[in-house]
């Protein structure tokens, strides 16, 4: 069975998606960022929707657990702990 590429998250901004991608890379997970924002030139102006983060299907469960862990660090107002 071929390893498929699956969407594991959508983000309101390219910057959030880049943070998530770099978090995954630090954990040894290859990830691809797809955002229709002219390569960052028009960050925040998505012409085809949100920024999407993709990984190999074999990494999907580990990725979701890691992203959930990172999200749980945020306080109730949605602000990241510093």
Protein backbone atom coordinates (compact mmCIF):
# COMPACT_ATOMS: atom_id res chain seq x y z
CA UNK A 1 0.00 0.00 0.00
CA UNK A 2 1.38 3.37 -1.01
CA UNK A 3 1.88 6.01 1.65
CA UNK A 4 -0.66 8.77 1.04
CA UNK A 5 -0.39 12.47 1.87
CA UNK A 6 -3.19 13.67 4.16
CA UNK A 7 -4.30 17.02 5.56
CA UNK A 8 -3.76 17.10 9.33
CA UNK A 9 -4.64 20.69 10.02
CA UNK A 10 -5.98 23.93 8.63
CA UNK A 11 -4.89 27.30 9.94
CA UNK A 12 -6.29 30.82 9.71
CA UNK A 13 -2.88 32.26 8.86
CA UNK A 14 0.27 31.15 7.09
CA UNK A 15 2.27 32.03 10.20
CA UNK A 16 0.32 29.60 12.39
CA UNK A 17 0.80 26.89 9.78
CA UNK A 18 4.54 27.61 9.56
CA UNK A 19 4.84 27.37 13.34
CA UNK A 20 3.06 24.01 13.29
CA UNK A 21 5.22 22.77 10.39
CA UNK A 22 8.44 23.72 12.18
CA UNK A 23 7.19 22.03 15.36
CA UNK A 24 6.66 18.86 13.35
CA UNK A 25 10.07 19.13 11.68
CA UNK A 26 11.69 19.46 15.12
CA UNK A 27 9.96 16.19 16.06
CA UNK A 28 11.29 14.48 12.92
CA UNK A 29 8.02 14.60 10.96
CA UNK A 30 8.14 15.79 7.33
CA UNK A 31 5.31 18.20 6.59
CA UNK A 32 4.14 20.27 3.62
CA UNK A 33 2.44 23.66 3.88
CA UNK A 34 -0.11 24.65 1.24
CA UNK A 35 -1.37 28.23 1.21
CA UNK A 36 -2.60 30.28 -1.71
CA UNK A 37 -0.99 33.57 -0.64
CA UNK A 38 1.55 34.18 -3.40
CA UNK A 39 4.38 32.60 -1.42
CA UNK A 40 3.77 34.81 1.59
CA UNK A 41 3.59 38.06 -0.37
CA UNK A 42 -0.11 38.32 0.49
CA UNK A 43 -0.07 36.58 3.86
CA UNK A 44 -3.54 36.65 5.37
CA UNK A 45 -5.25 37.05 2.00
CA UNK A 46 -6.07 33.48 1.07
CA UNK A 47 -7.64 33.15 -2.33
CA UNK A 48 -8.54 29.47 -2.00
CA UNK A 49 -9.17 29.06 1.71
CA UNK A 50 -7.02 28.42 4.72
CA UNK A 51 -3.40 27.29 4.98
CA UNK A 52 -3.27 23.50 5.09
CA UNK A 53 -0.64 21.26 6.65
CA UNK A 54 -0.04 17.85 5.07
CA UNK A 55 1.95 14.81 6.21
CA UNK A 56 2.40 11.18 5.22
CA UNK A 57 -0.56 9.11 6.38
CA UNK A 58 1.79 6.98 8.48
CA UNK A 59 2.64 10.10 10.52
CA UNK A 60 -0.93 11.41 10.84
CA UNK A 61 -1.77 10.06 14.31
CA UNK A 62 1.56 11.19 15.79
CA UNK A 63 1.16 14.59 14.12
CA UNK A 64 -2.33 15.17 15.49
CA UNK A 65 -1.21 14.18 19.00
CA UNK A 66 1.74 16.58 18.82
CA UNK A 67 -0.37 19.46 17.48
CA UNK A 68 -3.01 18.82 20.18
CA UNK A 69 -0.27 18.94 22.81
CA UNK A 70 1.03 22.26 21.47
CA UNK A 71 -2.50 23.68 21.36
CA UNK A 72 -3.14 22.64 24.96
CA UNK A 73 -0.29 24.92 26.07
CA UNK A 74 -2.45 27.93 25.18
CA UNK A 75 -4.36 29.64 27.97
CA UNK A 76 -8.19 29.86 27.93
CA UNK A 77 -8.16 33.18 26.05
CA UNK A 78 -6.19 31.57 23.21
CA UNK A 79 -2.94 33.34 24.07
CA UNK A 80 0.24 31.28 24.06
CA UNK A 81 2.16 31.00 27.32
CA UNK A 82 5.44 32.86 27.19
